[in-house]
Amino acid sequence: MINQLWTRLLFLALVCSILSCSELQEGKVLKLAHGLDVKHPVHGGMVYMAQDLEKRSGGKLKIQIYPSGQLGSERQCLELLQIGSLDMTKVSAAPLENFSPKTKVLSLPYIFRDEDHAWEVFNGDIGKELLVGAEEFWLRGLVFYDAGSRSFYTKDRPINSPADLKGLKIRVQNSQTALQMVSALGGSPTPISFGELYTSLQQGVVDGAENNAPSFYTSRHYEVCKYYSIDEHAVVPDVLLIGTSTWNRLSVQEQEWLQAAADASVTEQRKLWKVANQEALDKVIEAGVEIIYPDKAPFSDQVSEIYESYKDNPEIFSLIERIRSIQ
């Protein structure tokens, strides 16, 4: 335990030294780190934001992006934001729930009827509450990015029903909600960082994972997993965040420039996503992956117990009811 603590502290110290110019002095350069490949459509959305911000500000405010987990895992990047050693990051809403508990509602399986319903929530009052609500944990959400729907992919057998998950070790994000979901479906949830997943699949540490099609493709997990079962059990958005220490050091004008550039990037990122999603499916099929479209009803029915468990948590259960009431 002590060795792990020292390793973590040394890592944070190293990243702090790398980002020492992140104090918003000369050039007003914001450092943004994330774990995705540069070909990923979410990365493309952030590149668009950086270019747009530089234009809006006349070069007074810029963003420098560190992709592909260069500065650590999603959890590590969130911790760096909290202590003010990193300015911005992009994470999935799933691990964010460990920092801002209310966001767990976005990871609940089958809470959204369809894509339109999801975006009514993300762009509406509930979405704004969740973004700004993270401020008490030294994080401020700027926008949600499209991360599509998450489905299962496996090495040795297709998933046609929840029964097929029995006995399988399925990689999940570091999220209590994801752990609950896979357990409810009969699988054995195994939290592993995304950067370690390819090797874990190869070596049999896990039998499969769950993610959206572009991530399945750009990570090259299709080289190991030849079955992709599109059960669409969750529509978990990505979240663009800035540390409150950085946000509060920006002038009102700089905050407006940044928020406007982030808002504009969502429209562009969603266009990139639609193209990338279809391309990913086409490419993995070419590579020999079998695409399965199972009946979603048995999956949805089997995870209904998760909703019952939140009746003792009025704050989360109220959010669930509000989301379900949106037409």
C-alpha atoms as a PDB file:
ATOM      1  CA  MET A   1       0.000   0.000   0.000  1.00  0.00           C
ATOM      2  CA  ILE A   2       2.836   2.404   0.913  1.00  0.00           C
ATOM      3  CA  ASN A   3       4.657   1.571  -2.328  1.00  0.00           C
ATOM      4  CA  GLN A   4       1.485   2.263  -4.322  1.00  0.00           C
ATOM      5  CA  LEU A   5       1.066   5.617  -2.563  1.00  0.00           C
ATOM      6  CA  TRP A   6       4.650   6.637  -3.309  1.00  0.00           C
ATOM      7  CA  THR A   7       4.270   5.573  -6.951  1.00  0.00           C
ATOM      8  CA  ARG A   8       1.154   7.701  -7.240  1.00  0.00           C
ATOM      9  CA  LEU A   9       2.806  10.712  -5.614  1.00  0.00           C
ATOM     10  CA  LEU A  10       5.852  10.404  -7.867  1.00  0.00           C
ATOM     11  CA  PHE A  11       3.604  10.231 -10.927  1.00  0.00           C
ATOM     12  CA  LEU A  12       1.741  13.365  -9.878  1.00  0.00           C
ATOM     13  CA  ALA A  13       5.016  15.167  -9.223  1.00  0.00           C
ATOM     14  CA  LEU A  14       6.298  14.210 -12.681  1.00  0.00           C
ATOM     15  CA  VAL A  15       3.167  15.439 -14.417  1.00  0.00           C
ATOM     16  CA  CYS A  16       3.193  18.631 -12.351  1.00  0.00           C
ATOM     17  CA  SER A  17       6.710  19.335 -13.600  1.00  0.00           C
ATOM     18  CA  ILE A  18       5.655  18.676 -17.211  1.00  0.00           C
ATOM     19  CA  LEU A  19       2.735  21.053 -16.811  1.00  0.00           C
ATOM     20  CA  SER A  20       4.556  23.751 -14.874  1.00  0.00           C
ATOM     21  CA  CYS A  21       3.810  26.200 -17.703  1.00  0.00           C
ATOM     22  CA  SER A  22       0.092  25.601 -17.111  1.00  0.00           C
ATOM     23  CA  GLU A  23      -0.075  28.546 -14.745  1.00  0.00           C
ATOM     24  CA  LEU A  24      -1.738  30.633 -17.449  1.00  0.00           C
ATOM     25  CA  GLN A  25       1.132  33.085 -17.660  1.00  0.00           C
ATOM     26  CA  GLU A  26       2.600  33.908 -21.087  1.00  0.00           C
ATOM     27  CA  GLY A  27       0.383  32.969 -23.996  1.00  0.00           C
ATOM     28  CA  LYS A  28      -2.538  31.798 -21.838  1.00  0.00           C
ATOM     29  CA  VAL A  29      -2.137  28.157 -22.885  1.00  0.00           C
ATOM     30  CA  LEU A  30      -4.543  25.652 -21.337  1.00  0.00           C
ATOM     31  CA  LYS A  31      -3.322  22.057 -21.080  1.00  0.00           C
ATOM     32  CA  LEU A  32      -5.938  19.418 -21.985  1.00  0.00           C
ATOM     33  CA  ALA A  33      -5.190  15.700 -21.513  1.00  0.00           C
ATOM     34  CA  HIS A  34      -7.288  12.664 -22.413  1.00  0.00           C
ATOM     35  CA  GLY A  35      -6.925   8.948 -23.115  1.00  0.00           C
ATOM     36  CA  LEU A  36      -8.240   8.621 -26.677  1.00  0.00           C
ATOM     37  CA  ASP A  37      -6.410   7.948 -29.926  1.00  0.00           C
ATOM     38  CA  VAL A  38      -5.934  10.963 -32.214  1.00  0.00           C
ATOM     39  CA  LYS A  39      -8.175   9.288 -34.824  1.00  0.00           C
ATOM     40  CA  HIS A  40     -11.100   9.196 -32.410  1.00  0.00           C
ATOM     41  CA  PRO A  41     -14.005  11.571 -33.219  1.00  0.00           C
ATOM     42  CA  VAL A  42     -14.037  12.954 -29.675  1.00  0.00           C
ATOM     43  CA  HIS A  43     -10.407  13.980 -30.096  1.00  0.00           C
ATOM     44  CA  GLY A  44     -11.463  15.606 -33.379  1.00  0.00           C
ATOM     45  CA  GLY A  45     -14.093  17.607 -31.519  1.00  0.00           C
ATOM     46  CA  MET A  46     -11.501  18.897 -29.062  1.00  0.00           C
ATOM     47  CA  VAL A  47      -9.139  19.853 -31.889  1.00  0.00           C
ATOM     48  CA  TYR A  48     -12.004  21.849 -33.412  1.00  0.00           C
ATOM     49  CA  MET A  49     -12.574  23.551 -30.050  1.00  0.00           C
ATOM     50  CA  ALA A  50      -8.900  24.488 -29.742  1.00  0.00           C
ATOM     51  CA  GLN A  51      -8.865  26.013 -33.233  1.00  0.00           C
ATOM     52  CA  ASP A  52     -12.137  27.846 -32.623  1.00  0.00           C
ATOM     53  CA  LEU A  53     -10.933  29.219 -29.281  1.00  0.00           C
ATOM     54  CA  GLU A  54      -7.758  30.594 -30.802  1.00  0.00           C
ATOM     55  CA  LYS A  55      -9.816  32.385 -33.490  1.00  0.00           C
ATOM     56  CA  ARG A  56     -12.383  33.759 -31.032  1.00  0.00           C
ATOM     57  CA  SER A  57      -9.709  35.079 -28.699  1.00  0.00           C
ATOM     58  CA  GLY A  58      -7.432  36.403 -31.420  1.00  0.00           C
ATOM     59  CA  GLY A  59      -4.716  34.087 -30.146  1.00  0.00           C
ATOM     60  CA  LYS A  60      -4.981  35.318 -26.551  1.00  0.00           C
ATOM     61  CA  LEU A  61      -6.221  31.953 -25.276  1.00  0.00           C
ATOM     62  CA  LYS A  62      -5.077  28.600 -26.652  1.00  0.00           C
ATOM     63  CA  ILE A  63      -5.387  24.902 -25.848  1.00  0.00           C
ATOM     64  CA  GLN A  64      -2.581  22.356 -26.057  1.00  0.00           C
ATOM     65  CA  ILE A  65      -3.865  18.768 -26.256  1.00  0.00           C
ATOM     66  CA  TYR A  66      -2.105  15.699 -24.811  1.00  0.00           C
ATOM     67  CA  PRO A  67      -3.949  12.631 -26.252  1.00  0.00           C
ATOM     68  CA  SER A  68      -3.584   8.857 -25.864  1.00  0.00           C
ATOM     69  CA  GLY A  69      -3.121   8.802 -22.094  1.00  0.00           C
ATOM     70  CA  GLN A  70       0.193  10.664 -22.196  1.00  0.00           C
ATOM     71  CA  LEU A  71      -0.500  12.261 -18.812  1.00  0.00           C
ATOM     72  CA  GLY A  72      -2.244   9.348 -17.160  1.00  0.00           C
ATOM     73  CA  SER A  73      -5.562   7.564 -16.832  1.00  0.00           C
ATOM     74  CA  GLU A  74      -8.938   9.301 -16.606  1.00  0.00           C
ATOM     75  CA  ARG A  75      -8.823   9.127 -12.818  1.00  0.00           C
ATOM     76  CA  GLN A  76      -5.303  10.564 -12.715  1.00  0.00           C
ATOM     77  CA  CYS A  77      -6.278  13.428 -15.012  1.00  0.00           C
ATOM     78  CA  LEU A  78      -9.280  14.247 -12.831  1.00  0.00           C
ATOM     79  CA  GLU A  79      -7.049  14.302  -9.754  1.00  0.00           C
ATOM     80  CA  LEU A  80      -4.606  16.598 -11.552  1.00  0.00           C
ATOM     81  CA  LEU A  81      -7.477  18.978 -12.334  1.00  0.00           C
ATOM     82  CA  GLN A  82      -8.523  18.996  -8.695  1.00  0.00           C
ATOM     83  CA  ILE A  83      -5.070  20.027  -7.464  1.00  0.00           C
ATOM     84  CA  GLY A  84      -4.642  22.574 -10.253  1.00  0.00           C
ATOM     85  CA  SER A  85      -1.752  20.833 -12.046  1.00  0.00           C
ATOM     86  CA  LEU A  86      -3.764  20.212 -15.238  1.00  0.00           C
ATOM     87  CA  ASP A  87      -6.261  22.604 -16.754  1.00  0.00           C
ATOM     88  CA  MET A  88      -8.715  20.461 -18.716  1.00  0.00           C
ATOM     89  CA  THR A  89      -9.582  16.853 -19.455  1.00  0.00           C
ATOM     90  CA  LYS A  90     -12.149  14.716 -21.222  1.00  0.00           C
ATOM     91  CA  VAL A  91     -13.481  11.682 -19.390  1.00  0.00           C
ATOM     92  CA  SER A  92     -16.414   9.334 -19.684  1.00  0.00           C
ATOM     93  CA  ALA A  93     -19.270  10.153 -17.335  1.00  0.00           C
ATOM     94  CA  ALA A  94     -18.812   6.686 -15.790  1.00  0.00           C
ATOM     95  CA  PRO A  95     -15.532   7.276 -13.887  1.00  0.00           C
ATOM     96  CA  LEU A  96     -16.637  10.844 -13.177  1.00  0.00           C
ATOM     97  CA  GLU A  97     -19.267   9.438 -10.812  1.00  0.00           C
ATOM     98  CA  ASN A  98     -16.443   8.591  -8.379  1.00  0.00           C
ATOM     99  CA  PHE A  99     -15.762  12.331  -8.095  1.00  0.00           C
ATOM    100  CA  SER A 100     -19.216  13.852  -8.656  1.00  0.00           C
ATOM    101  CA  PRO A 101     -21.734  11.222  -7.473  1.00  0.00           C
ATOM    102  CA  LYS A 102     -24.859  12.624  -9.164  1.00  0.00           C
ATOM    103  CA  THR A 103     -23.395  11.913 -12.611  1.00  0.00           C
ATOM    104  CA  LYS A 104     -23.891   8.174 -12.001  1.00  0.00           C
ATOM    105  CA  VAL A 105     -27.454   8.642 -13.235  1.00  0.00           C
ATOM    106  CA  LEU A 106     -26.095   9.059 -16.784  1.00  0.00           C
ATOM    107  CA  SER A 107     -24.502   5.594 -16.693  1.00  0.00           C
ATOM    108  CA  LEU A 108     -27.616   3.688 -15.674  1.00  0.00           C
ATOM    109  CA  PRO A 109     -28.474   0.970 -18.210  1.00  0.00           C
ATOM    110  CA  TYR A 110     -31.387   1.712 -20.552  1.00  0.00           C
ATOM    111  CA  ILE A 111     -32.309   4.964 -18.791  1.00  0.00           C
ATOM    112  CA  PHE A 112     -32.604   6.695 -22.170  1.00  0.00           C
ATOM    113  CA  ARG A 113     -35.270   5.625 -24.659  1.00  0.00           C
ATOM    114  CA  ASP A 114     -33.201   6.646 -27.643  1.00  0.00           C
ATOM    115  CA  GLU A 115     -30.560   9.126 -28.843  1.00  0.00           C
ATOM    116  CA  ASP A 116     -32.995  12.054 -29.009  1.00  0.00           C
ATOM    117  CA  HIS A 117     -34.087  11.464 -25.424  1.00  0.00           C
ATOM    118  CA  ALA A 118     -30.453  11.361 -24.270  1.00  0.00           C
ATOM    119  CA  TRP A 119     -29.633  14.684 -25.902  1.00  0.00           C
ATOM    120  CA  GLU A 120     -32.748  16.309 -24.473  1.00  0.00           C
ATOM    121  CA  VAL A 121     -31.243  15.475 -21.078  1.00  0.00           C
ATOM    122  CA  PHE A 122     -27.639  16.442 -21.896  1.00  0.00           C
ATOM    123  CA  ASN A 123     -28.632  19.802 -23.415  1.00  0.00           C
ATOM    124  CA  GLY A 124     -31.383  20.564 -20.918  1.00  0.00           C
ATOM    125  CA  ASP A 125     -31.657  21.632 -17.297  1.00  0.00           C
ATOM    126  CA  ILE A 126     -30.542  18.268 -15.913  1.00  0.00           C
ATOM    127  CA  GLY A 127     -27.395  18.279 -18.040  1.00  0.00           C
ATOM    128  CA  LYS A 128     -26.510  21.829 -16.960  1.00  0.00           C
ATOM    129  CA  GLU A 129     -27.088  20.939 -13.296  1.00  0.00           C
ATOM    130  CA  LEU A 130     -24.738  17.977 -13.542  1.00  0.00           C
ATOM    131  CA  LEU A 131     -22.025  19.939 -15.342  1.00  0.00           C
ATOM    132  CA  VAL A 132     -21.979  22.836 -12.908  1.00  0.00           C
ATOM    133  CA  GLY A 133     -22.726  20.598  -9.922  1.00  0.00           C
ATOM    134  CA  ALA A 134     -19.247  19.119 -10.123  1.00  0.00           C
ATOM    135  CA  GLU A 135     -17.821  22.465  -8.961  1.00  0.00           C
ATOM    136  CA  GLU A 136     -18.070  21.467  -5.303  1.00  0.00           C
ATOM    137  CA  PHE A 137     -15.502  18.791  -6.168  1.00  0.00           C
ATOM    138  CA  TRP A 138     -13.139  21.336  -7.847  1.00  0.00           C
ATOM    139  CA  LEU A 139     -14.285  20.316 -11.339  1.00  0.00           C
ATOM    140  CA  ARG A 140     -16.483  22.248 -13.743  1.00  0.00           C
ATOM    141  CA  GLY A 141     -18.170  20.539 -16.677  1.00  0.00           C
ATOM    142  CA  LEU A 142     -18.269  22.537 -19.900  1.00  0.00           C
ATOM    143  CA  VAL A 143     -20.121  20.269 -22.354  1.00  0.00           C
ATOM    144  CA  PHE A 144     -21.138  16.698 -23.084  1.00  0.00           C
ATOM    145  CA  TYR A 145     -19.691  14.967 -26.137  1.00  0.00           C
ATOM    146  CA  ASP A 146     -21.394  12.193 -28.086  1.00  0.00           C
ATOM    147  CA  ALA A 147     -19.999   8.799 -27.098  1.00  0.00           C
ATOM    148  CA  GLY A 148     -22.758   6.779 -28.728  1.00  0.00           C
ATOM    149  CA  SER A 149     -24.080   3.646 -27.088  1.00  0.00           C
ATOM    150  CA  ARG A 150     -22.071   0.962 -25.344  1.00  0.00           C
ATOM    151  CA  SER A 151     -22.324  -2.712 -26.308  1.00  0.00           C
ATOM    152  CA  PHE A 152     -20.483  -5.942 -25.497  1.00  0.00           C
ATOM    153  CA  TYR A 153     -17.583  -7.392 -27.473  1.00  0.00           C
ATOM    154  CA  THR A 154     -16.093 -10.789 -26.693  1.00  0.00           C
ATOM    155  CA  LYS A 155     -13.319 -13.146 -27.730  1.00  0.00           C
ATOM    156  CA  ASP A 156     -14.753 -16.651 -27.828  1.00  0.00           C
ATOM    157  CA  ARG A 157     -18.530 -16.506 -28.079  1.00  0.00           C
ATOM    158  CA  PRO A 158     -21.238 -14.040 -29.098  1.00  0.00           C
ATOM    159  CA  ILE A 159     -23.614 -12.452 -26.604  1.00  0.00           C
ATOM    160  CA  ASN A 160     -27.164 -13.157 -27.766  1.00  0.00           C
ATOM    161  CA  SER A 161     -28.799 -12.955 -24.340  1.00  0.00           C
ATOM    162  CA  PRO A 162     -27.799 -12.192 -20.742  1.00  0.00           C
ATOM    163  CA  ALA A 163     -27.286 -15.932 -20.193  1.00  0.00           C
ATOM    164  CA  ASP A 164     -24.293 -15.804 -22.543  1.00  0.00           C
ATOM    165  CA  LEU A 165     -22.486 -13.459 -20.139  1.00  0.00           C
ATOM    166  CA  LYS A 166     -22.501 -16.019 -17.332  1.00  0.00           C
ATOM    167  CA  GLY A 167     -18.961 -16.912 -16.313  1.00  0.00           C
ATOM    168  CA  LEU A 168     -17.333 -14.254 -18.513  1.00  0.00           C
ATOM    169  CA  LYS A 169     -14.930 -11.668 -17.120  1.00  0.00           C
ATOM    170  CA  ILE A 170     -15.973  -8.370 -18.689  1.00  0.00           C
ATOM    171  CA  ARG A 171     -13.815  -5.270 -18.484  1.00  0.00           C
ATOM    172  CA  VAL A 172     -15.704  -2.252 -17.192  1.00  0.00           C
ATOM    173  CA  GLN A 173     -14.780   1.317 -16.400  1.00  0.00           C
ATOM    174  CA  ASN A 174     -14.019   2.217 -12.799  1.00  0.00           C
ATOM    175  CA  SER A 175     -17.684   2.866 -12.098  1.00  0.00           C
ATOM    176  CA  GLN A 176     -19.953   1.349  -9.467  1.00  0.00           C
ATOM    177  CA  THR A 177     -22.853   1.593 -11.906  1.00  0.00           C
ATOM    178  CA  ALA A 178     -20.979  -0.383 -14.563  1.00  0.00           C
ATOM    179  CA  LEU A 179     -20.031  -2.995 -11.965  1.00  0.00           C
ATOM    180  CA  GLN A 180     -23.670  -3.319 -10.910  1.00  0.00           C
ATOM    181  CA  MET A 181     -24.856  -3.640 -14.493  1.00  0.00           C
ATOM    182  CA  VAL A 182     -22.534  -6.452 -15.547  1.00  0.00           C
ATOM    183  CA  SER A 183     -23.161  -8.307 -12.282  1.00  0.00           C
ATOM    184  CA  ALA A 184     -26.933  -8.009 -12.785  1.00  0.00           C
ATOM    185  CA  LEU A 185     -26.521  -9.492 -16.273  1.00  0.00           C
ATOM    186  CA  GLY A 186     -24.600 -12.470 -14.901  1.00  0.00           C
ATOM    187  CA  GLY A 187     -21.068 -11.511 -15.900  1.00  0.00           C
ATOM    188  CA  SER A 188     -18.005 -10.906 -13.756  1.00  0.00           C
ATOM    189  CA  PRO A 189     -17.125  -7.176 -13.967  1.00  0.00           C
ATOM    190  CA  THR A 190     -13.408  -6.417 -13.990  1.00  0.00           C
ATOM    191  CA  PRO A 191     -12.226  -2.771 -13.810  1.00  0.00           C
ATOM    192  CA  ILE A 192      -9.149  -2.219 -16.001  1.00  0.00           C
ATOM    193  CA  SER A 193      -7.820   1.041 -17.437  1.00  0.00           C
ATOM    194  CA  PHE A 194      -8.517   1.472 -21.144  1.00  0.00           C
ATOM    195  CA  GLY A 195      -4.810   1.701 -21.949  1.00  0.00           C
ATOM    196  CA  GLU A 196      -4.192  -1.761 -20.467  1.00  0.00           C
ATOM    197  CA  LEU A 197      -7.210  -3.451 -22.029  1.00  0.00           C
ATOM    198  CA  TYR A 198      -5.690  -4.675 -25.324  1.00  0.00           C
ATOM    199  CA  THR A 199      -3.002  -6.658 -23.501  1.00  0.00           C
ATOM    200  CA  SER A 200      -5.532  -7.891 -20.927  1.00  0.00           C
ATOM    201  CA  LEU A 201      -7.718  -9.262 -23.720  1.00  0.00           C
ATOM    202  CA  GLN A 202      -4.754 -10.901 -25.422  1.00  0.00           C
ATOM    203  CA  GLN A 203      -3.561 -12.550 -22.232  1.00  0.00           C
ATOM    204  CA  GLY A 204      -7.008 -13.725 -21.153  1.00  0.00           C
ATOM    205  CA  VAL A 205      -7.202 -11.523 -18.079  1.00  0.00           C
ATOM    206  CA  VAL A 206     -10.703 -10.676 -19.339  1.00  0.00           C
ATOM    207  CA  ASP A 207     -12.967 -12.389 -21.874  1.00  0.00           C
ATOM    208  CA  GLY A 208     -14.453  -9.234 -23.295  1.00  0.00           C
ATOM    209  CA  ALA A 209     -15.402  -5.629 -22.718  1.00  0.00           C
ATOM    210  CA  GLU A 210     -18.107  -3.092 -23.541  1.00  0.00           C
ATOM    211  CA  ASN A 211     -17.793   0.141 -25.445  1.00  0.00           C
ATOM    212  CA  ASN A 212     -18.980   2.090 -28.464  1.00  0.00           C
ATOM    213  CA  ALA A 213     -18.031   1.133 -32.030  1.00  0.00           C
ATOM    214  CA  PRO A 214     -15.420   3.881 -32.685  1.00  0.00           C
ATOM    215  CA  SER A 215     -13.553   3.002 -29.482  1.00  0.00           C
ATOM    216  CA  PHE A 216     -13.739  -0.717 -30.342  1.00  0.00           C
ATOM    217  CA  TYR A 217     -12.192   0.095 -33.717  1.00  0.00           C
ATOM    218  CA  THR A 218      -9.584   2.768 -32.899  1.00  0.00           C
ATOM    219  CA  SER A 219      -8.289   0.721 -29.944  1.00  0.00           C
ATOM    220  CA  ARG A 220      -7.827  -2.257 -32.311  1.00  0.00           C
ATOM    221  CA  HIS A 221      -9.631  -4.491 -29.833  1.00  0.00           C
ATOM    222  CA  TYR A 222     -11.347  -6.066 -32.842  1.00  0.00           C
ATOM    223  CA  GLU A 223      -8.052  -7.842 -33.534  1.00  0.00           C
ATOM    224  CA  VAL A 224      -8.684  -9.931 -30.409  1.00  0.00           C
ATOM    225  CA  CYS A 225     -12.478  -9.867 -30.036  1.00  0.00           C
ATOM    226  CA  LYS A 226     -14.400 -11.217 -33.021  1.00  0.00           C
ATOM    227  CA  TYR A 227     -17.954 -10.773 -31.694  1.00  0.00           C
ATOM    228  CA  TYR A 228     -19.675  -7.409 -31.233  1.00  0.00           C
ATOM    229  CA  SER A 229     -23.189  -7.662 -29.758  1.00  0.00           C
ATOM    230  CA  ILE A 230     -25.051  -4.400 -30.183  1.00  0.00           C
ATOM    231  CA  ASP A 231     -27.326  -4.492 -27.152  1.00  0.00           C
ATOM    232  CA  GLU A 232     -26.815  -0.728 -26.524  1.00  0.00           C
ATOM    233  CA  HIS A 233     -27.102  -1.148 -22.771  1.00  0.00           C
ATOM    234  CA  ALA A 234     -25.897   2.371 -21.961  1.00  0.00           C
ATOM    235  CA  VAL A 235     -25.636   5.788 -23.568  1.00  0.00           C
ATOM    236  CA  VAL A 236     -22.832   7.254 -21.468  1.00  0.00           C
ATOM    237  CA  PRO A 237     -21.630  10.656 -22.708  1.00  0.00           C
ATOM    238  CA  ASP A 238     -18.104  11.970 -22.557  1.00  0.00           C
ATOM    239  CA  VAL A 239     -17.638  15.078 -20.425  1.00  0.00           C
ATOM    240  CA  LEU A 240     -15.269  17.968 -21.097  1.00  0.00           C
ATOM    241  CA  LEU A 241     -14.083  19.448 -17.796  1.00  0.00           C
ATOM    242  CA  ILE A 242     -11.923  22.267 -16.522  1.00  0.00           C
ATOM    243  CA  GLY A 243     -10.477  22.511 -13.022  1.00  0.00           C
ATOM    244  CA  THR A 244     -12.161  25.195 -10.930  1.00  0.00           C
ATOM    245  CA  SER A 245      -8.770  26.673 -10.011  1.00  0.00           C
ATOM    246  CA  THR A 246      -8.087  27.257 -13.721  1.00  0.00           C
ATOM    247  CA  TRP A 247     -11.636  28.459 -14.443  1.00  0.00           C
ATOM    248  CA  ASN A 248     -11.504  31.001 -11.636  1.00  0.00           C
ATOM    249  CA  ARG A 249      -8.193  32.380 -12.897  1.00  0.00           C
ATOM    250  CA  LEU A 250      -9.736  33.167 -16.286  1.00  0.00           C
ATOM    251  CA  SER A 251     -11.315  36.558 -16.857  1.00  0.00           C
ATOM    252  CA  VAL A 252     -15.041  36.720 -17.597  1.00  0.00           C
ATOM    253  CA  GLN A 253     -14.207  37.350 -21.265  1.00  0.00           C
ATOM    254  CA  GLU A 254     -11.889  34.329 -21.374  1.00  0.00           C
ATOM    255  CA  GLN A 255     -14.546  32.152 -19.738  1.00  0.00           C
ATOM    256  CA  GLU A 256     -17.051  33.258 -22.382  1.00  0.00           C
ATOM    257  CA  TRP A 257     -14.618  32.498 -25.208  1.00  0.00           C
ATOM    258  CA  LEU A 258     -13.885  29.049 -23.816  1.00  0.00           C
ATOM    259  CA  GLN A 259     -17.524  28.120 -23.191  1.00  0.00           C
ATOM    260  CA  ALA A 260     -18.548  29.341 -26.660  1.00  0.00           C
ATOM    261  CA  ALA A 261     -15.764  27.331 -28.326  1.00  0.00           C
ATOM    262  CA  ALA A 262     -16.726  24.240 -26.318  1.00  0.00           C
ATOM    263  CA  ASP A 263     -20.407  24.656 -27.267  1.00  0.00           C
ATOM    264  CA  ALA A 264     -19.515  25.037 -30.947  1.00  0.00           C
ATOM    265  CA  SER A 265     -17.327  21.934 -30.833  1.00  0.00           C
ATOM    266  CA  VAL A 266     -20.267  19.748 -29.744  1.00  0.00           C
ATOM    267  CA  THR A 267     -22.054  20.272 -33.067  1.00  0.00           C
ATOM    268  CA  GLU A 268     -18.888  19.432 -34.998  1.00  0.00           C
ATOM    269  CA  GLN A 269     -18.069  16.452 -32.792  1.00  0.00           C
ATOM    270  CA  ARG A 270     -21.532  14.921 -33.275  1.00  0.00           C
ATOM    271  CA  LYS A 271     -21.085  15.144 -37.057  1.00  0.00           C
ATOM    272  CA  LEU A 272     -17.692  13.456 -36.760  1.00  0.00           C
ATOM    273  CA  TRP A 273     -19.205  10.807 -34.510  1.00  0.00           C
ATOM    274  CA  LYS A 274     -21.899   9.722 -36.968  1.00  0.00           C
ATOM    275  CA  VAL A 275     -19.333   9.274 -39.729  1.00  0.00           C
ATOM    276  CA  ALA A 276     -16.861   7.497 -37.449  1.00  0.00           C
ATOM    277  CA  ASN A 277     -19.492   5.167 -36.010  1.00  0.00           C
ATOM    278  CA  GLN A 278     -20.486   3.810 -39.424  1.00  0.00           C
ATOM    279  CA  GLU A 279     -16.876   3.641 -40.576  1.00  0.00           C
ATOM    280  CA  ALA A 280     -15.932   1.691 -37.441  1.00  0.00           C
ATOM    281  CA  LEU A 281     -18.669  -0.886 -38.010  1.00  0.00           C
ATOM    282  CA  ASP A 282     -17.671  -1.261 -41.666  1.00  0.00           C
ATOM    283  CA  LYS A 283     -13.991  -1.688 -40.784  1.00  0.00           C
ATOM    284  CA  VAL A 284     -14.467  -4.276 -38.060  1.00  0.00           C
ATOM    285  CA  ILE A 285     -16.773  -6.295 -40.320  1.00  0.00           C
ATOM    286  CA  GLU A 286     -14.042  -6.230 -42.976  1.00  0.00           C
ATOM    287  CA  ALA A 287     -11.644  -7.525 -40.324  1.00  0.00           C
ATOM    288  CA  GLY A 288     -13.869 -10.546 -39.665  1.00  0.00           C
ATOM    289  CA  VAL A 289     -15.912  -9.386 -36.677  1.00  0.00           C
ATOM    290  CA  GLU A 290     -19.417 -10.825 -36.434  1.00  0.00           C
ATOM    291  CA  ILE A 291     -22.024  -8.170 -35.593  1.00  0.00           C
ATOM    292  CA  ILE A 292     -24.945  -9.434 -33.510  1.00  0.00           C
ATOM    293  CA  TYR A 293     -28.185  -7.548 -32.854  1.00  0.00           C
ATOM    294  CA  PRO A 294     -29.739  -9.297 -29.833  1.00  0.00           C
ATOM    295  CA  ASP A 295     -33.195  -8.614 -28.474  1.00  0.00           C
ATOM    296  CA  LYS A 296     -32.677  -5.805 -25.952  1.00  0.00           C
ATOM    297  CA  ALA A 297     -35.745  -6.600 -23.824  1.00  0.00           C
ATOM    298  CA  PRO A 298     -34.151  -9.430 -21.774  1.00  0.00           C
ATOM    299  CA  PHE A 299     -31.145  -7.223 -21.011  1.00  0.00           C
ATOM    300  CA  SER A 300     -33.333  -4.303 -19.972  1.00  0.00           C
ATOM    301  CA  ASP A 301     -35.551  -6.519 -17.813  1.00  0.00           C
ATOM    302  CA  GLN A 302     -32.617  -8.096 -16.019  1.00  0.00           C
ATOM    303  CA  VAL A 303     -31.075  -4.782 -14.935  1.00  0.00           C
ATOM    304  CA  SER A 304     -34.347  -3.300 -13.636  1.00  0.00           C
ATOM    305  CA  GLU A 305     -33.329  -4.252 -10.094  1.00  0.00           C
ATOM    306  CA  ILE A 306     -30.658  -1.551 -10.231  1.00  0.00           C
ATOM    307  CA  TYR A 307     -33.356   1.134 -10.336  1.00  0.00           C
ATOM    308  CA  GLU A 308     -35.065  -0.323  -7.269  1.00  0.00           C
ATOM    309  CA  SER A 309     -31.811  -0.001  -5.337  1.00  0.00           C
ATOM    310  CA  TYR A 310     -31.912   3.799  -5.740  1.00  0.00           C
ATOM    311  CA  LYS A 311     -35.237   4.256  -3.967  1.00  0.00           C
ATOM    312  CA  ASP A 312     -33.227   4.691  -0.766  1.00  0.00           C
ATOM    313  CA  ASN A 313     -31.259   7.521  -2.402  1.00  0.00           C
ATOM    314  CA  PRO A 314     -33.816  10.328  -2.913  1.00  0.00           C
ATOM    315  CA  GLU A 315     -31.371  12.619  -4.736  1.00  0.00           C
ATOM    316  CA  ILE A 316     -30.506  10.070  -7.454  1.00  0.00           C
ATOM    317  CA  PHE A 317     -34.010   8.602  -7.632  1.00  0.00           C
ATOM    318  CA  SER A 318     -35.425  12.085  -8.218  1.00  0.00           C
ATOM    319  CA  LEU A 319     -33.046  12.534 -11.162  1.00  0.00           C
ATOM    320  CA  ILE A 320     -34.115   9.138 -12.537  1.00  0.00           C
ATOM    321  CA  GLU A 321     -37.770  10.152 -12.402  1.00  0.00           C
ATOM    322  CA  ARG A 322     -37.059  13.531 -14.023  1.00  0.00           C
ATOM    323  CA  ILE A 323     -35.145  11.899 -16.873  1.00  0.00           C
ATOM    324  CA  ARG A 324     -37.864   9.334 -17.468  1.00  0.00           C
ATOM    325  CA  SER A 325     -40.535  12.053 -17.508  1.00  0.00           C
ATOM    326  CA  ILE A 326     -38.906  13.954 -20.391  1.00  0.00           C
ATOM    327  CA  GLN A 327     -40.845  13.369 -23.588  1.00  0.00           C
END
